[in-house]
Amino acid sequence: MSFNGIEKSAVMLMSVGEELAAEIFKHLNSGEVQKLSVAISNLGYISNHQLTDILSEFKENATNMLQSMLIPEITSIQY
């Protein structure tokens, strides 16, 4: 099964635990909360392989985003 962005986000929220998921939900608007809630309720069985793929993709995207934010800072430092 291939997951879309909302479904991947739902899987991520389910994997971080109740407290962190609640904290994340605080930063979303009502439409986003509704979409994610529906996606969570519609998710079926997620295999370990699927979960690992989604978590790996998230890690890669987060790493790339952080690097793109930090590289301009590093290159602007004058020695």
PDB file of N, CA and C in Angstrom:
ATOM      1  N   MET A   1       0.839  -1.187   0.000  1.00  0.00           N
ATOM      2  CA  MET A   1       0.000   0.000   0.000  1.00  0.00           C
ATOM      3  C   MET A   1       0.880   1.244   0.000  1.00  0.00           C
ATOM      4  N   SER A   2       0.522   2.193  -0.816  1.00  0.00           N
ATOM      5  CA  SER A   2       1.228   3.453  -0.876  1.00  0.00           C
ATOM      6  C   SER A   2       0.444   4.488  -0.057  1.00  0.00           C
ATOM      7  N   PHE A   3       1.147   5.267   0.743  1.00  0.00           N
ATOM      8  CA  PHE A   3       0.505   6.237   1.617  1.00  0.00           C
ATOM      9  C   PHE A   3       0.665   7.645   1.053  1.00  0.00           C
ATOM     10  N   ASN A   4      -0.388   8.453   1.173  1.00  0.00           N
ATOM     11  CA  ASN A   4      -0.272   9.852   0.790  1.00  0.00           C
ATOM     12  C   ASN A   4       0.272  10.640   1.994  1.00  0.00           C
ATOM     13  N   GLY A   5       0.459  11.933   1.820  1.00  0.00           N
ATOM     14  CA  GLY A   5       1.057  12.754   2.868  1.00  0.00           C
ATOM     15  C   GLY A   5       0.262  12.783   4.159  1.00  0.00           C
ATOM     16  N   ILE A   6      -1.067  12.879   4.046  1.00  0.00           N
ATOM     17  CA  ILE A   6      -1.920  12.900   5.240  1.00  0.00           C
ATOM     18  C   ILE A   6      -1.813  11.564   5.977  1.00  0.00           C
ATOM     19  N   GLU A   7      -1.827  10.465   5.232  1.00  0.00           N
ATOM     20  CA  GLU A   7      -1.728   9.142   5.853  1.00  0.00           C
ATOM     21  C   GLU A   7      -0.369   8.949   6.534  1.00  0.00           C
ATOM     22  N   LYS A   8       0.704   9.424   5.895  1.00  0.00           N
ATOM     23  CA  LYS A   8       2.023   9.334   6.512  1.00  0.00           C
ATOM     24  C   LYS A   8       2.063  10.155   7.796  1.00  0.00           C
ATOM     25  N   SER A   9       1.444  11.327   7.763  1.00  0.00           N
ATOM     26  CA  SER A   9       1.385  12.161   8.961  1.00  0.00           C
ATOM     27  C   SER A   9       0.599  11.458  10.067  1.00  0.00           C
ATOM     28  N   ALA A  10      -0.473  10.797   9.694  1.00  0.00           N
ATOM     29  CA  ALA A  10      -1.273  10.054  10.664  1.00  0.00           C
ATOM     30  C   ALA A  10      -0.449   8.932  11.298  1.00  0.00           C
ATOM     31  N   VAL A  11       0.305   8.229  10.480  1.00  0.00           N
ATOM     32  CA  VAL A  11       1.166   7.155  10.998  1.00  0.00           C
ATOM     33  C   VAL A  11       2.206   7.738  11.954  1.00  0.00           C
ATOM     34  N   MET A  12       2.804   8.863  11.570  1.00  0.00           N
ATOM     35  CA  MET A  12       3.788   9.517  12.438  1.00  0.00           C
ATOM     36  C   MET A  12       3.162   9.892  13.780  1.00  0.00           C
ATOM     37  N   LEU A  13       1.989  10.494  13.744  1.00  0.00           N
ATOM     38  CA  LEU A  13       1.320  10.899  14.983  1.00  0.00           C
ATOM     39  C   LEU A  13       1.011   9.695  15.866  1.00  0.00           C
ATOM     40  N   MET A  14       0.628   8.599  15.248  1.00  0.00           N
ATOM     41  CA  MET A  14       0.340   7.395  16.026  1.00  0.00           C
ATOM     42  C   MET A  14       1.608   6.807  16.640  1.00  0.00           C
ATOM     43  N   SER A  15       2.740   7.058  16.019  1.00  0.00           N
ATOM     44  CA  SER A  15       3.987   6.440  16.495  1.00  0.00           C
ATOM     45  C   SER A  15       4.687   7.254  17.575  1.00  0.00           C
ATOM     46  N   VAL A  16       4.320   8.530  17.752  1.00  0.00           N
ATOM     47  CA  VAL A  16       5.043   9.357  18.721  1.00  0.00           C
ATOM     48  C   VAL A  16       4.471   9.302  20.129  1.00  0.00           C
ATOM     49  N   GLY A  17       3.326   8.699  20.284  1.00  0.00           N
ATOM     50  CA  GLY A  17       2.726   8.605  21.599  1.00  0.00           C
ATOM     51  C   GLY A  17       1.686   9.691  21.826  1.00  0.00           C
ATOM     52  N   GLU A  18       0.839   9.431  22.800  1.00  0.00           N
ATOM     53  CA  GLU A  18      -0.315  10.287  23.045  1.00  0.00           C
ATOM     54  C   GLU A  18       0.048  11.711  23.456  1.00  0.00           C
ATOM     55  N   GLU A  19       1.008  11.853  24.356  1.00  0.00           N
ATOM     56  CA  GLU A  19       1.361  13.189  24.858  1.00  0.00           C
ATOM     57  C   GLU A  19       1.947  14.078  23.767  1.00  0.00           C
ATOM     58  N   LEU A  20       2.904  13.549  23.010  1.00  0.00           N
ATOM     59  CA  LEU A  20       3.521  14.342  21.940  1.00  0.00           C
ATOM     60  C   LEU A  20       2.523  14.618  20.823  1.00  0.00           C
ATOM     61  N   ALA A  21       1.692  13.639  20.504  1.00  0.00           N
ATOM     62  CA  ALA A  21       0.674  13.847  19.472  1.00  0.00           C
ATOM     63  C   ALA A  21      -0.285  14.967  19.891  1.00  0.00           C
ATOM     64  N   ALA A  22      -0.674  14.980  21.155  1.00  0.00           N
ATOM     65  CA  ALA A  22      -1.562  16.042  21.648  1.00  0.00           C
ATOM     66  C   ALA A  22      -0.889  17.408  21.534  1.00  0.00           C
ATOM     67  N   GLU A  23       0.404  17.459  21.821  1.00  0.00           N
ATOM     68  CA  GLU A  23       1.151  18.720  21.700  1.00  0.00           C
ATOM     69  C   GLU A  23       1.214  19.174  20.245  1.00  0.00           C
ATOM     70  N   ILE A  24       1.399  18.246  19.337  1.00  0.00           N
ATOM     71  CA  ILE A  24       1.435  18.566  17.907  1.00  0.00           C
ATOM     72  C   ILE A  24       0.077  19.080  17.448  1.00  0.00           C
ATOM     73  N   PHE A  25      -0.998  18.419  17.886  1.00  0.00           N
ATOM     74  CA  PHE A  25      -2.336  18.832  17.495  1.00  0.00           C
ATOM     75  C   PHE A  25      -2.642  20.272  17.916  1.00  0.00           C
ATOM     76  N   LYS A  26      -2.041  20.730  19.001  1.00  0.00           N
ATOM     77  CA  LYS A  26      -2.267  22.099  19.477  1.00  0.00           C
ATOM     78  C   LYS A  26      -1.825  23.145  18.446  1.00  0.00           C
ATOM     79  N   HIS A  27      -0.905  22.772  17.578  1.00  0.00           N
ATOM     80  CA  HIS A  27      -0.347  23.705  16.603  1.00  0.00           C
ATOM     81  C   HIS A  27      -1.022  23.621  15.230  1.00  0.00           C
ATOM     82  N   LEU A  28      -2.059  22.816  15.124  1.00  0.00           N
ATOM     83  CA  LEU A  28      -2.758  22.630  13.850  1.00  0.00           C
ATOM     84  C   LEU A  28      -4.092  23.365  13.865  1.00  0.00           C
ATOM     85  N   ASN A  29      -4.551  23.752  12.692  1.00  0.00           N
ATOM     86  CA  ASN A  29      -5.882  24.358  12.629  1.00  0.00           C
ATOM     87  C   ASN A  29      -6.942  23.258  12.605  1.00  0.00           C
ATOM     88  N   SER A  30      -8.198  23.648  12.734  1.00  0.00           N
ATOM     89  CA  SER A  30      -9.278  22.658  12.861  1.00  0.00           C
ATOM     90  C   SER A  30      -9.399  21.773  11.622  1.00  0.00           C
ATOM     91  N   GLY A  31      -9.147  22.325  10.432  1.00  0.00           N
ATOM     92  CA  GLY A  31      -9.202  21.513   9.213  1.00  0.00           C
ATOM     93  C   GLY A  31      -8.135  20.442   9.183  1.00  0.00           C
ATOM     94  N   GLU A  32      -6.935  20.818   9.610  1.00  0.00           N
ATOM     95  CA  GLU A  32      -5.825  19.847   9.650  1.00  0.00           C
ATOM     96  C   GLU A  32      -6.105  18.754  10.670  1.00  0.00           C
ATOM     97  N   VAL A  33      -6.633  19.152  11.830  1.00  0.00           N
ATOM     98  CA  VAL A  33      -6.969  18.173  12.874  1.00  0.00           C
ATOM     99  C   VAL A  33      -8.015  17.203  12.351  1.00  0.00           C
ATOM    100  N   GLN A  34      -9.019  17.731  11.665  1.00  0.00           N
ATOM    101  CA  GLN A  34     -10.078  16.877  11.127  1.00  0.00           C
ATOM    102  C   GLN A  34      -9.529  15.896  10.101  1.00  0.00           C
ATOM    103  N   LYS A  35      -8.712  16.385   9.165  1.00  0.00           N
ATOM    104  CA  LYS A  35      -8.139  15.504   8.140  1.00  0.00           C
ATOM    105  C   LYS A  35      -7.293  14.403   8.768  1.00  0.00           C
ATOM    106  N   LEU A  36      -6.460  14.779   9.735  1.00  0.00           N
ATOM    107  CA  LEU A  36      -5.605  13.777  10.383  1.00  0.00           C
ATOM    108  C   LEU A  36      -6.423  12.792  11.205  1.00  0.00           C
ATOM    109  N   SER A  37      -7.447  13.273  11.874  1.00  0.00           N
ATOM    110  CA  SER A  37      -8.300  12.386  12.672  1.00  0.00           C
ATOM    111  C   SER A  37      -8.994  11.356  11.795  1.00  0.00           C
ATOM    112  N   VAL A  38      -9.487  11.799  10.650  1.00  0.00           N
ATOM    113  CA  VAL A  38     -10.119  10.874   9.707  1.00  0.00           C
ATOM    114  C   VAL A  38      -9.094   9.866   9.189  1.00  0.00           C
ATOM    115  N   ALA A  39      -7.906  10.354   8.842  1.00  0.00           N
ATOM    116  CA  ALA A  39      -6.857   9.461   8.333  1.00  0.00           C
ATOM    117  C   ALA A  39      -6.462   8.432   9.382  1.00  0.00           C
ATOM    118  N   ILE A  40      -6.341   8.871  10.641  1.00  0.00           N
ATOM    119  CA  ILE A  40      -5.987   7.939  11.714  1.00  0.00           C
ATOM    120  C   ILE A  40      -7.063   6.869  11.860  1.00  0.00           C
ATOM    121  N   SER A  41      -8.323   7.286  11.834  1.00  0.00           N
ATOM    122  CA  SER A  41      -9.407   6.314  12.013  1.00  0.00           C
ATOM    123  C   SER A  41      -9.532   5.358  10.825  1.00  0.00           C
ATOM    124  N   ASN A  42      -9.065   5.788   9.649  1.00  0.00           N
ATOM    125  CA  ASN A  42      -9.160   4.935   8.457  1.00  0.00           C
ATOM    126  C   ASN A  42      -7.935   4.057   8.238  1.00  0.00           C
ATOM    127  N   LEU A  43      -6.875   4.305   8.991  1.00  0.00           N
ATOM    128  CA  LEU A  43      -5.681   3.484   8.804  1.00  0.00           C
ATOM    129  C   LEU A  43      -5.965   2.052   9.251  1.00  0.00           C
ATOM    130  N   GLY A  44      -5.548   1.149   8.449  1.00  0.00           N
ATOM    131  CA  GLY A  44      -5.655  -0.255   8.827  1.00  0.00           C
ATOM    132  C   GLY A  44      -4.353  -0.710   9.456  1.00  0.00           C
ATOM    133  N   TYR A  45      -4.022  -1.931   9.213  1.00  0.00           N
ATOM    134  CA  TYR A  45      -2.788  -2.517   9.730  1.00  0.00           C
ATOM    135  C   TYR A  45      -1.587  -1.862   9.049  1.00  0.00           C
ATOM    136  N   ILE A  46      -0.612  -1.468   9.844  1.00  0.00           N
ATOM    137  CA  ILE A  46       0.639  -0.908   9.338  1.00  0.00           C
ATOM    138  C   ILE A  46       1.740  -1.901   9.690  1.00  0.00           C
ATOM    139  N   SER A  47       2.393  -2.437   8.680  1.00  0.00           N
ATOM    140  CA  SER A  47       3.459  -3.415   8.942  1.00  0.00           C
ATOM    141  C   SER A  47       4.700  -2.696   9.469  1.00  0.00           C
ATOM    142  N   ASN A  48       5.580  -3.444  10.090  1.00  0.00           N
ATOM    143  CA  ASN A  48       6.840  -2.879  10.561  1.00  0.00           C
ATOM    144  C   ASN A  48       7.632  -2.279   9.403  1.00  0.00           C
ATOM    145  N   HIS A  49       7.579  -2.930   8.264  1.00  0.00           N
ATOM    146  CA  HIS A  49       8.295  -2.442   7.076  1.00  0.00           C
ATOM    147  C   HIS A  49       7.735  -1.091   6.631  1.00  0.00           C
ATOM    148  N   GLN A  50       6.410  -0.988   6.589  1.00  0.00           N
ATOM    149  CA  GLN A  50       5.785   0.279   6.198  1.00  0.00           C
ATOM    150  C   GLN A  50       6.132   1.390   7.190  1.00  0.00           C
ATOM    151  N   LEU A  51       6.068   1.078   8.479  1.00  0.00           N
ATOM    152  CA  LEU A  51       6.398   2.062   9.511  1.00  0.00           C
ATOM    153  C   LEU A  51       7.846   2.508   9.382  1.00  0.00           C
ATOM    154  N   THR A  52       8.741   1.568   9.177  1.00  0.00           N
ATOM    155  CA  THR A  52      10.154   1.891   9.020  1.00  0.00           C
ATOM    156  C   THR A  52      10.378   2.792   7.804  1.00  0.00           C
ATOM    157  N   ASP A  53       9.703   2.486   6.705  1.00  0.00           N
ATOM    158  CA  ASP A  53       9.827   3.320   5.495  1.00  0.00           C
ATOM    159  C   ASP A  53       9.350   4.745   5.752  1.00  0.00           C
ATOM    160  N   ILE A  54       8.221   4.891   6.418  1.00  0.00           N
ATOM    161  CA  ILE A  54       7.666   6.217   6.692  1.00  0.00           C
ATOM    162  C   ILE A  54       8.574   6.990   7.640  1.00  0.00           C
ATOM    163  N   LEU A  55       9.064   6.328   8.690  1.00  0.00           N
ATOM    164  CA  LEU A  55       9.962   6.993   9.637  1.00  0.00           C
ATOM    165  C   LEU A  55      11.284   7.376   8.979  1.00  0.00           C
ATOM    166  N   SER A  56      11.791   6.522   8.111  1.00  0.00           N
ATOM    167  CA  SER A  56      13.033   6.827   7.395  1.00  0.00           C
ATOM    168  C   SER A  56      12.857   8.021   6.469  1.00  0.00           C
ATOM    169  N   GLU A  57      11.724   8.074   5.776  1.00  0.00           N
ATOM    170  CA  GLU A  57      11.445   9.200   4.891  1.00  0.00           C
ATOM    171  C   GLU A  57      11.349  10.501   5.700  1.00  0.00           C
ATOM    172  N   PHE A  58      10.689  10.443   6.851  1.00  0.00           N
ATOM    173  CA  PHE A  58      10.583  11.620   7.710  1.00  0.00           C
ATOM    174  C   PHE A  58      11.962  12.076   8.173  1.00  0.00           C
ATOM    175  N   LYS A  59      12.783  11.125   8.598  1.00  0.00           N
ATOM    176  CA  LYS A  59      14.128  11.469   9.067  1.00  0.00           C
ATOM    177  C   LYS A  59      14.941  12.119   7.952  1.00  0.00           C
ATOM    178  N   GLU A  60      14.867  11.559   6.756  1.00  0.00           N
ATOM    179  CA  GLU A  60      15.603  12.108   5.618  1.00  0.00           C
ATOM    180  C   GLU A  60      15.129  13.526   5.281  1.00  0.00           C
ATOM    181  N   ASN A  61      13.808  13.713   5.261  1.00  0.00           N
ATOM    182  CA  ASN A  61      13.261  15.042   4.958  1.00  0.00           C
ATOM    183  C   ASN A  61      13.628  16.055   6.034  1.00  0.00           C
ATOM    184  N   ALA A  62      13.557  15.647   7.300  1.00  0.00           N
ATOM    185  CA  ALA A  62      13.902  16.552   8.398  1.00  0.00           C
ATOM    186  C   ALA A  62      15.378  16.913   8.353  1.00  0.00           C
ATOM    187  N   THR A  63      16.234  15.943   8.074  1.00  0.00           N
ATOM    188  CA  THR A  63      17.672  16.188   7.982  1.00  0.00           C
ATOM    189  C   THR A  63      17.978  17.155   6.848  1.00  0.00           C
ATOM    190  N   ASN A  64      17.375  16.924   5.689  1.00  0.00           N
ATOM    191  CA  ASN A  64      17.592  17.813   4.539  1.00  0.00           C
ATOM    192  C   ASN A  64      17.112  19.226   4.836  1.00  0.00           C
ATOM    193  N   MET A  65      15.972  19.346   5.497  1.00  0.00           N
ATOM    194  CA  MET A  65      15.442  20.657   5.825  1.00  0.00           C
ATOM    195  C   MET A  65      16.374  21.393   6.790  1.00  0.00           C
ATOM    196  N   LEU A  66      16.848  20.691   7.813  1.00  0.00           N
ATOM    197  CA  LEU A  66      17.750  21.314   8.773  1.00  0.00           C
ATOM    198  C   LEU A  66      19.065  21.720   8.114  1.00  0.00           C
ATOM    199  N   GLN A  67      19.581  20.867   7.252  1.00  0.00           N
ATOM    200  CA  GLN A  67      20.829  21.196   6.570  1.00  0.00           C
ATOM    201  C   GLN A  67      20.663  22.414   5.680  1.00  0.00           C
ATOM    202  N   SER A  68      19.539  22.504   4.993  1.00  0.00           N
ATOM    203  CA  SER A  68      19.332  23.658   4.114  1.00  0.00           C
ATOM    204  C   SER A  68      19.161  24.940   4.921  1.00  0.00           C
ATOM    205  N   MET A  69      18.688  24.819   6.147  1.00  0.00           N
ATOM    206  CA  MET A  69      18.552  25.992   7.010  1.00  0.00           C
ATOM    207  C   MET A  69      19.894  26.402   7.602  1.00  0.00           C
ATOM    208  N   LEU A  70      20.762  25.431   7.868  1.00  0.00           N
ATOM    209  CA  LEU A  70      22.027  25.710   8.541  1.00  0.00           C
ATOM    210  C   LEU A  70      23.149  26.079   7.592  1.00  0.00           C
ATOM    211  N   ILE A  71      23.161  25.554   6.393  1.00  0.00           N
ATOM    212  CA  ILE A  71      24.264  25.797   5.469  1.00  0.00           C
ATOM    213  C   ILE A  71      24.442  27.284   5.168  1.00  0.00           C
ATOM    214  N   PRO A  72      23.382  28.054   4.903  1.00  0.00           N
ATOM    215  CA  PRO A  72      23.604  29.494   4.691  1.00  0.00           C
ATOM    216  C   PRO A  72      24.237  30.174   5.909  1.00  0.00           C
ATOM    217  N   GLU A  73      23.883  29.731   7.087  1.00  0.00           N
ATOM    218  CA  GLU A  73      24.457  30.301   8.309  1.00  0.00           C
ATOM    219  C   GLU A  73      25.958  30.011   8.374  1.00  0.00           C
ATOM    220  N   ILE A  74      26.329  28.782   8.069  1.00  0.00           N
ATOM    221  CA  ILE A  74      27.726  28.382   8.167  1.00  0.00           C
ATOM    222  C   ILE A  74      28.561  29.095   7.116  1.00  0.00           C
ATOM    223  N   THR A  75      28.038  29.226   5.902  1.00  0.00           N
ATOM    224  CA  THR A  75      28.813  29.836   4.833  1.00  0.00           C
ATOM    225  C   THR A  75      28.946  31.351   5.001  1.00  0.00           C
ATOM    226  N   SER A  76      28.105  31.950   5.813  1.00  0.00           N
ATOM    227  CA  SER A  76      28.193  33.395   6.008  1.00  0.00           C
ATOM    228  C   SER A  76      29.145  33.784   7.134  1.00  0.00           C
ATOM    229  N   ILE A  77      29.644  32.795   7.868  1.00  0.00           N
ATOM    230  CA  ILE A  77      30.598  33.077   8.944  1.00  0.00           C
ATOM    231  C   ILE A  77      31.931  33.499   8.345  1.00  0.00           C
ATOM    232  N   GLN A  78      32.456  34.621   8.800  1.00  0.00           N
ATOM    233  CA  GLN A  78      33.744  35.114   8.307  1.00  0.00           C
ATOM    234  C   GLN A  78      34.822  34.774   9.330  1.00  0.00           C
ATOM    235  N   TYR A  79      35.912  34.292   8.816  1.00  0.00           N
ATOM    236  CA  TYR A  79      37.018  33.907   9.702  1.00  0.00           C
ATOM    237  C   TYR A  79      38.110  34.935   9.661  1.00  0.00           C
TER     238      TYR A  79
END
